[in-house]
Amino acid sequence: KTSLASVVSTGNFNSDFFVTWSPSHVTTSADGRSRSLKLDQESGSAFDSNDMFLFGQIDMPIKLVPGHSAGTVLAFYLTSDQPNRDEIDFEFLGNVSGQPYILQTNVYADGMANREERIYLWFDPTKDFHTYSILWNLHQIVFMVDFVPIRTYRNHADKGVAYPRWQPMGIKISLWDGSSWATRGGKDKVDWSKGPFIASFANYTIDACVWKGNARFCRADSSGNWWNKAEFSSLTSKQRRWFKWVRKYHLIYDYCQDNERFHNNLPKECYLSKY
């Protein structure tokens, strides 16, 4: 799978990432293989990748904030950081003890957002590490939970739908206070007496085209850019079954079903194929 284009990550947080917010709230194991972020009354915390990427797959095993985590948000996302930004988001919305965790996903393309979907996770994501993945290629974006596809966003650029395909993106991970909106629309705020709130990360892989200033290089059909191959241009039949299962039993909000919000004028991609 490796060539010049593709980097299979070192798996060492100290080599692949740098701390961008509150170093005192970021703890990394001696070997660099695991890391945790802390949120308390004083501060949240965050780290970013050293490199920018254009297409690839990122797998990030995460153990979410246990116990009463209402109001907290853990974000794991790719972003281009440009005014017309592209972004691929996982946001884990904390909950009141005993309630299911909500995973919100979103896609920004050419600066436009408003593409939220929400699912309930079908397991307790605080008990153990589960792998959250983003596959991003010329054909599609696939959000996966333990390699089960929960959402796709296809490249329908030929039909006038914006798609992230030219701007490189960096990986960002942050833990912060989202009291104003995260849990039940902001009804359940962070209860600081239940803190500190800690999320953990380990054993990640980044297999992606490192941005060196040449989009053509990352878009090329080379052995290194395995993710652009035809077999990754859509979901496999097995993935489609899983995808339908998630949509049927675990989806709780889909912007493409929110006629009220879009005044009965849903975005174009809502009428196009998902795989």
C-alpha atoms as a PDB file:
ATOM      1  CA  LYS A   1       0.000   0.000   0.000  1.00  0.00           C
ATOM      2  CA  THR A   2       2.907   2.404   0.389  1.00  0.00           C
ATOM      3  CA  SER A   3       4.585   4.612  -2.157  1.00  0.00           C
ATOM      4  CA  LEU A   4       5.758   8.196  -2.182  1.00  0.00           C
ATOM      5  CA  ALA A   5       2.200   9.469  -2.213  1.00  0.00           C
ATOM      6  CA  SER A   6       0.924   7.577   0.739  1.00  0.00           C
ATOM      7  CA  VAL A   7       2.030   7.857   4.314  1.00  0.00           C
ATOM      8  CA  VAL A   8       1.204   5.047   6.640  1.00  0.00           C
ATOM      9  CA  SER A   9       1.499   6.930   9.898  1.00  0.00           C
ATOM     10  CA  THR A  10       4.103   6.315  12.530  1.00  0.00           C
ATOM     11  CA  GLY A  11       1.393   5.755  15.141  1.00  0.00           C
ATOM     12  CA  ASN A  12       3.320   8.132  17.378  1.00  0.00           C
ATOM     13  CA  PHE A  13       1.319  11.152  18.526  1.00  0.00           C
ATOM     14  CA  ASN A  14       4.500  13.110  19.196  1.00  0.00           C
ATOM     15  CA  SER A  15       5.714  12.665  15.601  1.00  0.00           C
ATOM     16  CA  ASP A  16       2.478  13.138  13.676  1.00  0.00           C
ATOM     17  CA  PHE A  17       0.690  15.796  15.759  1.00  0.00           C
ATOM     18  CA  PHE A  18       1.369  18.968  17.722  1.00  0.00           C
ATOM     19  CA  VAL A  19      -0.567  20.337  20.694  1.00  0.00           C
ATOM     20  CA  THR A  20      -2.483  23.494  19.772  1.00  0.00           C
ATOM     21  CA  TRP A  21      -4.414  24.227  22.951  1.00  0.00           C
ATOM     22  CA  SER A  22      -3.561  23.864  26.629  1.00  0.00           C
ATOM     23  CA  PRO A  23      -0.530  21.524  26.765  1.00  0.00           C
ATOM     24  CA  SER A  24      -1.207  21.044  30.492  1.00  0.00           C
ATOM     25  CA  HIS A  25      -4.472  19.285  29.511  1.00  0.00           C
ATOM     26  CA  VAL A  26      -2.867  16.896  27.012  1.00  0.00           C
ATOM     27  CA  THR A  27      -1.226  13.718  28.313  1.00  0.00           C
ATOM     28  CA  THR A  28       0.837  11.465  26.060  1.00  0.00           C
ATOM     29  CA  SER A  29       2.275   8.062  26.996  1.00  0.00           C
ATOM     30  CA  ALA A  30       6.071   7.704  27.180  1.00  0.00           C
ATOM     31  CA  ASP A  31       6.177   5.779  23.884  1.00  0.00           C
ATOM     32  CA  GLY A  32       3.906   8.307  22.139  1.00  0.00           C
ATOM     33  CA  ARG A  33       1.378   5.594  21.282  1.00  0.00           C
ATOM     34  CA  SER A  34      -1.540   6.896  23.318  1.00  0.00           C
ATOM     35  CA  ARG A  35      -2.826  10.296  24.285  1.00  0.00           C
ATOM     36  CA  SER A  36      -5.654  11.829  26.291  1.00  0.00           C
ATOM     37  CA  LEU A  37      -7.368  15.209  26.277  1.00  0.00           C
ATOM     38  CA  LYS A  38      -8.838  16.851  29.354  1.00  0.00           C
ATOM     39  CA  LEU A  39     -11.615  19.399  29.773  1.00  0.00           C
ATOM     40  CA  ASP A  40     -12.103  21.151  33.105  1.00  0.00           C
ATOM     41  CA  GLN A  41     -13.313  24.552  34.262  1.00  0.00           C
ATOM     42  CA  GLU A  42      -9.966  26.064  33.382  1.00  0.00           C
ATOM     43  CA  SER A  43      -9.694  24.888  29.759  1.00  0.00           C
ATOM     44  CA  GLY A  44     -10.383  22.405  27.001  1.00  0.00           C
ATOM     45  CA  SER A  45      -7.570  20.992  24.852  1.00  0.00           C
ATOM     46  CA  ALA A  46      -6.639  20.112  21.282  1.00  0.00           C
ATOM     47  CA  PHE A  47      -4.026  18.778  18.894  1.00  0.00           C
ATOM     48  CA  ASP A  48      -3.536  18.932  15.103  1.00  0.00           C
ATOM     49  CA  SER A  49      -1.645  16.913  12.521  1.00  0.00           C
ATOM     50  CA  ASN A  50       1.710  18.235  11.320  1.00  0.00           C
ATOM     51  CA  ASP A  51       0.823  17.416   7.712  1.00  0.00           C
ATOM     52  CA  MET A  52      -2.030  18.350   5.402  1.00  0.00           C
ATOM     53  CA  PHE A  53      -3.547  15.638   3.214  1.00  0.00           C
ATOM     54  CA  LEU A  54      -5.545  15.362   0.006  1.00  0.00           C
ATOM     55  CA  PHE A  55      -7.459  12.046   0.035  1.00  0.00           C
ATOM     56  CA  GLY A  56      -6.837   8.917   2.052  1.00  0.00           C
ATOM     57  CA  GLN A  57      -8.154   7.096   5.081  1.00  0.00           C
ATOM     58  CA  ILE A  58      -7.740   8.025   8.732  1.00  0.00           C
ATOM     59  CA  ASP A  59      -8.669   5.576  11.485  1.00  0.00           C
ATOM     60  CA  MET A  60      -8.769   6.987  15.011  1.00  0.00           C
ATOM     61  CA  PRO A  61      -9.575   4.714  17.960  1.00  0.00           C
ATOM     62  CA  ILE A  62     -11.234   6.814  20.660  1.00  0.00           C
ATOM     63  CA  LYS A  63     -12.551   6.138  24.131  1.00  0.00           C
ATOM     64  CA  LEU A  64     -15.102   8.836  24.895  1.00  0.00           C
ATOM     65  CA  VAL A  65     -15.646  10.778  28.126  1.00  0.00           C
ATOM     66  CA  PRO A  66     -17.230   8.354  30.630  1.00  0.00           C
ATOM     67  CA  GLY A  67     -20.033   9.031  33.098  1.00  0.00           C
ATOM     68  CA  HIS A  68     -21.965  12.268  33.110  1.00  0.00           C
ATOM     69  CA  SER A  69     -20.559  14.102  30.075  1.00  0.00           C
ATOM     70  CA  ALA A  70     -23.486  16.392  29.182  1.00  0.00           C
ATOM     71  CA  GLY A  71     -22.414  19.608  27.464  1.00  0.00           C
ATOM     72  CA  THR A  72     -19.018  18.279  26.398  1.00  0.00           C
ATOM     73  CA  VAL A  73     -18.040  17.950  22.739  1.00  0.00           C
ATOM     74  CA  LEU A  74     -15.222  15.849  21.370  1.00  0.00           C
ATOM     75  CA  ALA A  75     -14.472  16.754  17.756  1.00  0.00           C
ATOM     76  CA  PHE A  76     -12.381  14.668  15.362  1.00  0.00           C
ATOM     77  CA  TYR A  77     -12.292  16.239  11.928  1.00  0.00           C
ATOM     78  CA  LEU A  78     -10.449  17.176   8.764  1.00  0.00           C
ATOM     79  CA  THR A  79     -10.419  20.834   7.785  1.00  0.00           C
ATOM     80  CA  SER A  80      -8.827  22.999   5.115  1.00  0.00           C
ATOM     81  CA  ASP A  81      -8.915  26.119   7.325  1.00  0.00           C
ATOM     82  CA  GLN A  82      -9.631  28.306   4.278  1.00  0.00           C
ATOM     83  CA  PRO A  83     -12.374  30.953   3.966  1.00  0.00           C
ATOM     84  CA  ASN A  84     -14.167  28.632   1.509  1.00  0.00           C
ATOM     85  CA  ARG A  85     -13.333  25.767   3.768  1.00  0.00           C
ATOM     86  CA  ASP A  86     -13.802  22.082   3.241  1.00  0.00           C
ATOM     87  CA  GLU A  87     -14.343  20.025   6.357  1.00  0.00           C
ATOM     88  CA  ILE A  88     -15.310  16.466   7.316  1.00  0.00           C
ATOM     89  CA  ASP A  89     -16.526  16.267  10.919  1.00  0.00           C
ATOM     90  CA  PHE A  90     -17.187  13.747  13.628  1.00  0.00           C
ATOM     91  CA  GLU A  91     -18.608  15.410  16.758  1.00  0.00           C
ATOM     92  CA  PHE A  92     -19.398  13.327  19.825  1.00  0.00           C
ATOM     93  CA  LEU A  93     -22.008  15.027  21.957  1.00  0.00           C
ATOM     94  CA  GLY A  94     -21.778  14.262  25.662  1.00  0.00           C
ATOM     95  CA  ASN A  95     -24.779  12.931  27.515  1.00  0.00           C
ATOM     96  CA  VAL A  96     -26.481  12.581  30.850  1.00  0.00           C
ATOM     97  CA  SER A  97     -25.379   9.294  32.470  1.00  0.00           C
ATOM     98  CA  GLY A  98     -27.292   6.340  31.083  1.00  0.00           C
ATOM     99  CA  GLN A  99     -28.463   8.060  27.893  1.00  0.00           C
ATOM    100  CA  PRO A 100     -27.071   6.963  24.523  1.00  0.00           C
ATOM    101  CA  TYR A 101     -24.199   8.970  23.065  1.00  0.00           C
ATOM    102  CA  ILE A 102     -25.005  11.025  19.955  1.00  0.00           C
ATOM    103  CA  LEU A 103     -22.561  11.120  17.090  1.00  0.00           C
ATOM    104  CA  GLN A 104     -23.061  14.123  14.810  1.00  0.00           C
ATOM    105  CA  THR A 105     -21.398  14.252  11.401  1.00  0.00           C
ATOM    106  CA  ASN A 106     -21.134  17.193   9.043  1.00  0.00           C
ATOM    107  CA  VAL A 107     -19.552  18.047   5.705  1.00  0.00           C
ATOM    108  CA  TYR A 108     -18.461  21.517   4.607  1.00  0.00           C
ATOM    109  CA  ALA A 109     -17.781  21.975   0.906  1.00  0.00           C
ATOM    110  CA  ASP A 110     -16.643  25.309  -0.534  1.00  0.00           C
ATOM    111  CA  GLY A 111     -17.552  27.014   2.730  1.00  0.00           C
ATOM    112  CA  MET A 112     -21.104  25.697   2.899  1.00  0.00           C
ATOM    113  CA  ALA A 113     -22.168  23.584   5.893  1.00  0.00           C
ATOM    114  CA  ASN A 114     -25.691  22.730   7.149  1.00  0.00           C
ATOM    115  CA  ARG A 115     -25.272  19.053   6.369  1.00  0.00           C
ATOM    116  CA  GLU A 116     -25.654  17.556   9.833  1.00  0.00           C
ATOM    117  CA  GLU A 117     -26.657  13.983  10.473  1.00  0.00           C
ATOM    118  CA  ARG A 118     -26.987  12.399  13.901  1.00  0.00           C
ATOM    119  CA  ILE A 119     -27.000   8.794  15.008  1.00  0.00           C
ATOM    120  CA  TYR A 120     -27.163   7.022  18.339  1.00  0.00           C
ATOM    121  CA  LEU A 121     -24.146   4.768  18.800  1.00  0.00           C
ATOM    122  CA  TRP A 122     -25.193   1.134  19.284  1.00  0.00           C
ATOM    123  CA  PHE A 123     -22.669   0.499  22.066  1.00  0.00           C
ATOM    124  CA  ASP A 124     -21.237   2.336  25.059  1.00  0.00           C
ATOM    125  CA  PRO A 125     -18.343   4.309  23.518  1.00  0.00           C
ATOM    126  CA  THR A 126     -16.865   5.113  26.932  1.00  0.00           C
ATOM    127  CA  LYS A 127     -16.142   1.525  27.994  1.00  0.00           C
ATOM    128  CA  ASP A 128     -13.591   0.760  25.318  1.00  0.00           C
ATOM    129  CA  PHE A 129     -11.809   2.058  22.262  1.00  0.00           C
ATOM    130  CA  HIS A 130     -13.841   2.091  19.050  1.00  0.00           C
ATOM    131  CA  THR A 131     -12.432   3.110  15.682  1.00  0.00           C
ATOM    132  CA  TYR A 132     -13.853   6.147  13.906  1.00  0.00           C
ATOM    133  CA  SER A 133     -12.730   6.417  10.289  1.00  0.00           C
ATOM    134  CA  ILE A 134     -12.899   8.834   7.411  1.00  0.00           C
ATOM    135  CA  LEU A 135     -12.342   7.534   3.900  1.00  0.00           C
ATOM    136  CA  TRP A 136     -12.026  10.465   1.501  1.00  0.00           C
ATOM    137  CA  ASN A 137     -11.298  10.011  -2.178  1.00  0.00           C
ATOM    138  CA  LEU A 138     -12.197  11.341  -5.609  1.00  0.00           C
ATOM    139  CA  HIS A 139     -15.507   9.465  -5.554  1.00  0.00           C
ATOM    140  CA  GLN A 140     -16.908   9.644  -2.053  1.00  0.00           C
ATOM    141  CA  ILE A 141     -16.496  10.422   1.625  1.00  0.00           C
ATOM    142  CA  VAL A 142     -17.407   7.555   3.946  1.00  0.00           C
ATOM    143  CA  PHE A 143     -17.788   7.973   7.710  1.00  0.00           C
ATOM    144  CA  MET A 144     -17.264   4.660   9.518  1.00  0.00           C
ATOM    145  CA  VAL A 145     -17.667   3.419  13.072  1.00  0.00           C
ATOM    146  CA  ASP A 146     -15.723   0.201  13.671  1.00  0.00           C
ATOM    147  CA  PHE A 147     -15.553   0.025   9.854  1.00  0.00           C
ATOM    148  CA  VAL A 148     -19.358   0.066   9.546  1.00  0.00           C
ATOM    149  CA  PRO A 149     -20.313   2.898   7.149  1.00  0.00           C
ATOM    150  CA  ILE A 150     -22.730   5.255   8.883  1.00  0.00           C
ATOM    151  CA  ARG A 151     -22.763   7.992   6.264  1.00  0.00           C
ATOM    152  CA  THR A 152     -21.612   8.743   2.744  1.00  0.00           C
ATOM    153  CA  TYR A 153     -21.226  11.989   0.840  1.00  0.00           C
ATOM    154  CA  ARG A 154     -20.670  11.365  -2.848  1.00  0.00           C
ATOM    155  CA  ASN A 155     -18.821  13.385  -5.421  1.00  0.00           C
ATOM    156  CA  HIS A 156     -21.713  14.748  -7.484  1.00  0.00           C
ATOM    157  CA  ALA A 157     -19.675  17.784  -8.593  1.00  0.00           C
ATOM    158  CA  ASP A 158     -20.719  17.070 -12.192  1.00  0.00           C
ATOM    159  CA  LYS A 159     -24.300  17.728 -11.062  1.00  0.00           C
ATOM    160  CA  GLY A 160     -23.460  21.014  -9.350  1.00  0.00           C
ATOM    161  CA  VAL A 161     -23.019  19.691  -5.804  1.00  0.00           C
ATOM    162  CA  ALA A 162     -19.956  21.059  -3.994  1.00  0.00           C
ATOM    163  CA  TYR A 163     -17.422  18.347  -3.065  1.00  0.00           C
ATOM    164  CA  PRO A 164     -14.080  18.653  -1.218  1.00  0.00           C
ATOM    165  CA  ARG A 165     -11.602  17.734  -3.939  1.00  0.00           C
ATOM    166  CA  TRP A 166      -8.941  20.427  -4.339  1.00  0.00           C
ATOM    167  CA  GLN A 167      -8.034  21.726  -0.880  1.00  0.00           C
ATOM    168  CA  PRO A 168      -5.747  19.746   1.403  1.00  0.00           C
ATOM    169  CA  MET A 169      -6.990  19.219   4.948  1.00  0.00           C
ATOM    170  CA  GLY A 170      -5.324  18.730   8.297  1.00  0.00           C
ATOM    171  CA  ILE A 171      -6.550  16.449  11.101  1.00  0.00           C
ATOM    172  CA  LYS A 172      -7.783  18.187  14.248  1.00  0.00           C
ATOM    173  CA  ILE A 173      -8.972  16.757  17.541  1.00  0.00           C
ATOM    174  CA  SER A 174     -10.415  18.849  20.362  1.00  0.00           C
ATOM    175  CA  LEU A 175     -12.390  18.499  23.584  1.00  0.00           C
ATOM    176  CA  TRP A 176     -14.396  21.544  24.642  1.00  0.00           C
ATOM    177  CA  ASP A 177     -17.405  22.994  26.421  1.00  0.00           C
ATOM    178  CA  GLY A 178     -20.422  22.930  24.112  1.00  0.00           C
ATOM    179  CA  SER A 179     -22.954  23.689  26.856  1.00  0.00           C
ATOM    180  CA  SER A 180     -24.849  26.165  24.681  1.00  0.00           C
ATOM    181  CA  TRP A 181     -25.996  23.485  22.190  1.00  0.00           C
ATOM    182  CA  ALA A 182     -24.475  20.017  22.545  1.00  0.00           C
ATOM    183  CA  THR A 183     -26.888  18.151  24.824  1.00  0.00           C
ATOM    184  CA  ARG A 184     -30.659  18.432  24.304  1.00  0.00           C
ATOM    185  CA  GLY A 185     -30.147  21.685  22.432  1.00  0.00           C
ATOM    186  CA  GLY A 186     -28.265  23.252  25.337  1.00  0.00           C
ATOM    187  CA  LYS A 187     -30.691  22.228  28.108  1.00  0.00           C
ATOM    188  CA  ASP A 188     -28.071  20.063  29.833  1.00  0.00           C
ATOM    189  CA  LYS A 189     -24.935  22.107  30.555  1.00  0.00           C
ATOM    190  CA  VAL A 190     -21.519  20.876  31.641  1.00  0.00           C
ATOM    191  CA  ASP A 191     -21.627  19.978  35.345  1.00  0.00           C
ATOM    192  CA  TRP A 192     -18.083  20.850  36.433  1.00  0.00           C
ATOM    193  CA  SER A 193     -18.483  18.890  39.668  1.00  0.00           C
ATOM    194  CA  LYS A 194     -18.476  15.740  37.499  1.00  0.00           C
ATOM    195  CA  GLY A 195     -15.118  16.639  35.879  1.00  0.00           C
ATOM    196  CA  PRO A 196     -12.424  16.557  34.827  1.00  0.00           C
ATOM    197  CA  PHE A 197     -13.670  15.103  31.533  1.00  0.00           C
ATOM    198  CA  ILE A 198     -11.163  12.913  29.720  1.00  0.00           C
ATOM    199  CA  ALA A 199     -11.158  11.324  26.258  1.00  0.00           C
ATOM    200  CA  SER A 200      -8.447   8.893  25.115  1.00  0.00           C
ATOM    201  CA  PHE A 201      -6.830   7.988  21.791  1.00  0.00           C
ATOM    202  CA  ALA A 202      -4.536   5.159  20.638  1.00  0.00           C
ATOM    203  CA  ASN A 203      -3.343   3.006  17.724  1.00  0.00           C
ATOM    204  CA  TYR A 204      -4.428   5.368  14.959  1.00  0.00           C
ATOM    205  CA  THR A 205      -3.464   5.040  11.312  1.00  0.00           C
ATOM    206  CA  ILE A 206      -3.151   7.771   8.713  1.00  0.00           C
ATOM    207  CA  ASP A 207      -2.895   6.367   5.204  1.00  0.00           C
ATOM    208  CA  ALA A 208      -3.203   9.429   3.016  1.00  0.00           C
ATOM    209  CA  CYS A 209      -1.567  11.555   0.354  1.00  0.00           C
ATOM    210  CA  VAL A 210       0.628  14.151   2.047  1.00  0.00           C
ATOM    211  CA  TRP A 211       0.140  17.573   0.514  1.00  0.00           C
ATOM    212  CA  LYS A 212       3.243  18.861  -1.231  1.00  0.00           C
ATOM    213  CA  GLY A 213       1.491  21.571  -3.230  1.00  0.00           C
ATOM    214  CA  ASN A 214       0.432  19.436  -6.183  1.00  0.00           C
ATOM    215  CA  ALA A 215      -3.209  18.360  -6.343  1.00  0.00           C
ATOM    216  CA  ARG A 216      -2.568  16.307  -9.473  1.00  0.00           C
ATOM    217  CA  PHE A 217      -0.166  14.085  -7.583  1.00  0.00           C
ATOM    218  CA  CYS A 218      -2.803  13.190  -4.961  1.00  0.00           C
ATOM    219  CA  ARG A 219      -5.533  12.786  -7.589  1.00  0.00           C
ATOM    220  CA  ALA A 220      -3.425  10.423  -9.717  1.00  0.00           C
ATOM    221  CA  ASP A 221      -4.393   6.804 -10.154  1.00  0.00           C
ATOM    222  CA  SER A 222      -1.210   5.329  -8.696  1.00  0.00           C
ATOM    223  CA  SER A 223      -0.619   2.224  -6.604  1.00  0.00           C
ATOM    224  CA  GLY A 224       0.148   4.500  -3.657  1.00  0.00           C
ATOM    225  CA  ASN A 225      -3.187   6.267  -3.875  1.00  0.00           C
ATOM    226  CA  TRP A 226      -5.085   3.010  -3.273  1.00  0.00           C
ATOM    227  CA  TRP A 227      -8.167   4.871  -2.025  1.00  0.00           C
ATOM    228  CA  ASN A 228      -8.838   6.326  -5.494  1.00  0.00           C
ATOM    229  CA  LYS A 229      -9.167   2.874  -7.059  1.00  0.00           C
ATOM    230  CA  ALA A 230     -12.488   1.758  -8.538  1.00  0.00           C
ATOM    231  CA  GLU A 231     -13.213  -0.655  -5.675  1.00  0.00           C
ATOM    232  CA  PHE A 232     -13.384   2.331  -3.279  1.00  0.00           C
ATOM    233  CA  SER A 233     -15.627   4.390  -5.556  1.00  0.00           C
ATOM    234  CA  SER A 234     -18.768   3.093  -3.860  1.00  0.00           C
ATOM    235  CA  LEU A 235     -19.849   0.926  -0.931  1.00  0.00           C
ATOM    236  CA  THR A 236     -19.453  -2.836  -1.323  1.00  0.00           C
ATOM    237  CA  SER A 237     -22.591  -4.968  -1.093  1.00  0.00           C
ATOM    238  CA  LYS A 238     -21.715  -5.908   2.488  1.00  0.00           C
ATOM    239  CA  GLN A 239     -21.124  -2.249   3.385  1.00  0.00           C
ATOM    240  CA  ARG A 240     -24.492  -1.357   1.845  1.00  0.00           C
ATOM    241  CA  ARG A 241     -26.253  -3.809   4.137  1.00  0.00           C
ATOM    242  CA  TRP A 242     -24.547  -2.335   7.189  1.00  0.00           C
ATOM    243  CA  PHE A 243     -25.250   1.183   5.963  1.00  0.00           C
ATOM    244  CA  LYS A 244     -28.968   0.437   5.583  1.00  0.00           C
ATOM    245  CA  TRP A 245     -29.026  -1.103   9.066  1.00  0.00           C
ATOM    246  CA  VAL A 246     -27.501   2.033  10.595  1.00  0.00           C
ATOM    247  CA  ARG A 247     -29.892   4.306   8.692  1.00  0.00           C
ATOM    248  CA  LYS A 248     -32.909   2.228   9.657  1.00  0.00           C
ATOM    249  CA  TYR A 249     -32.236   1.714  13.362  1.00  0.00           C
ATOM    250  CA  HIS A 250     -29.803   4.389  14.542  1.00  0.00           C
ATOM    251  CA  LEU A 251     -30.309   7.556  12.484  1.00  0.00           C
ATOM    252  CA  ILE A 252     -32.024  10.271  14.531  1.00  0.00           C
ATOM    253  CA  TYR A 253     -31.511  13.347  12.354  1.00  0.00           C
ATOM    254  CA  ASP A 254     -30.810  13.771   8.657  1.00  0.00           C
ATOM    255  CA  TYR A 255     -30.693  17.233   7.099  1.00  0.00           C
ATOM    256  CA  CYS A 256     -32.041  15.661   3.910  1.00  0.00           C
ATOM    257  CA  GLN A 257     -35.311  14.940   5.735  1.00  0.00           C
ATOM    258  CA  ASP A 258     -35.617  18.398   7.268  1.00  0.00           C
ATOM    259  CA  ASN A 259     -38.013  20.114   4.863  1.00  0.00           C
ATOM    260  CA  GLU A 260     -38.912  22.740   7.415  1.00  0.00           C
ATOM    261  CA  ARG A 261     -35.335  23.897   7.792  1.00  0.00           C
ATOM    262  CA  PHE A 262     -34.803  24.165   4.035  1.00  0.00           C
ATOM    263  CA  HIS A 263     -38.315  25.509   3.290  1.00  0.00           C
ATOM    264  CA  ASN A 264     -39.120  22.467   1.146  1.00  0.00           C
ATOM    265  CA  ASN A 265     -36.071  23.164  -0.977  1.00  0.00           C
ATOM    266  CA  LEU A 266     -33.663  20.423   0.102  1.00  0.00           C
ATOM    267  CA  PRO A 267     -30.041  20.544  -1.109  1.00  0.00           C
ATOM    268  CA  LYS A 268     -29.507  18.880  -4.468  1.00  0.00           C
ATOM    269  CA  GLU A 269     -27.458  15.972  -3.131  1.00  0.00           C
ATOM    270  CA  CYS A 270     -30.478  14.830  -1.095  1.00  0.00           C
ATOM    271  CA  TYR A 271     -32.050  13.599  -4.349  1.00  0.00           C
ATOM    272  CA  LEU A 272     -28.923  11.829  -5.621  1.00  0.00           C
ATOM    273  CA  SER A 273     -27.547   8.361  -4.923  1.00  0.00           C
ATOM    274  CA  LYS A 274     -25.669   7.692  -1.679  1.00  0.00           C
ATOM    275  CA  TYR A 275     -23.540   4.897  -3.180  1.00  0.00           C
END
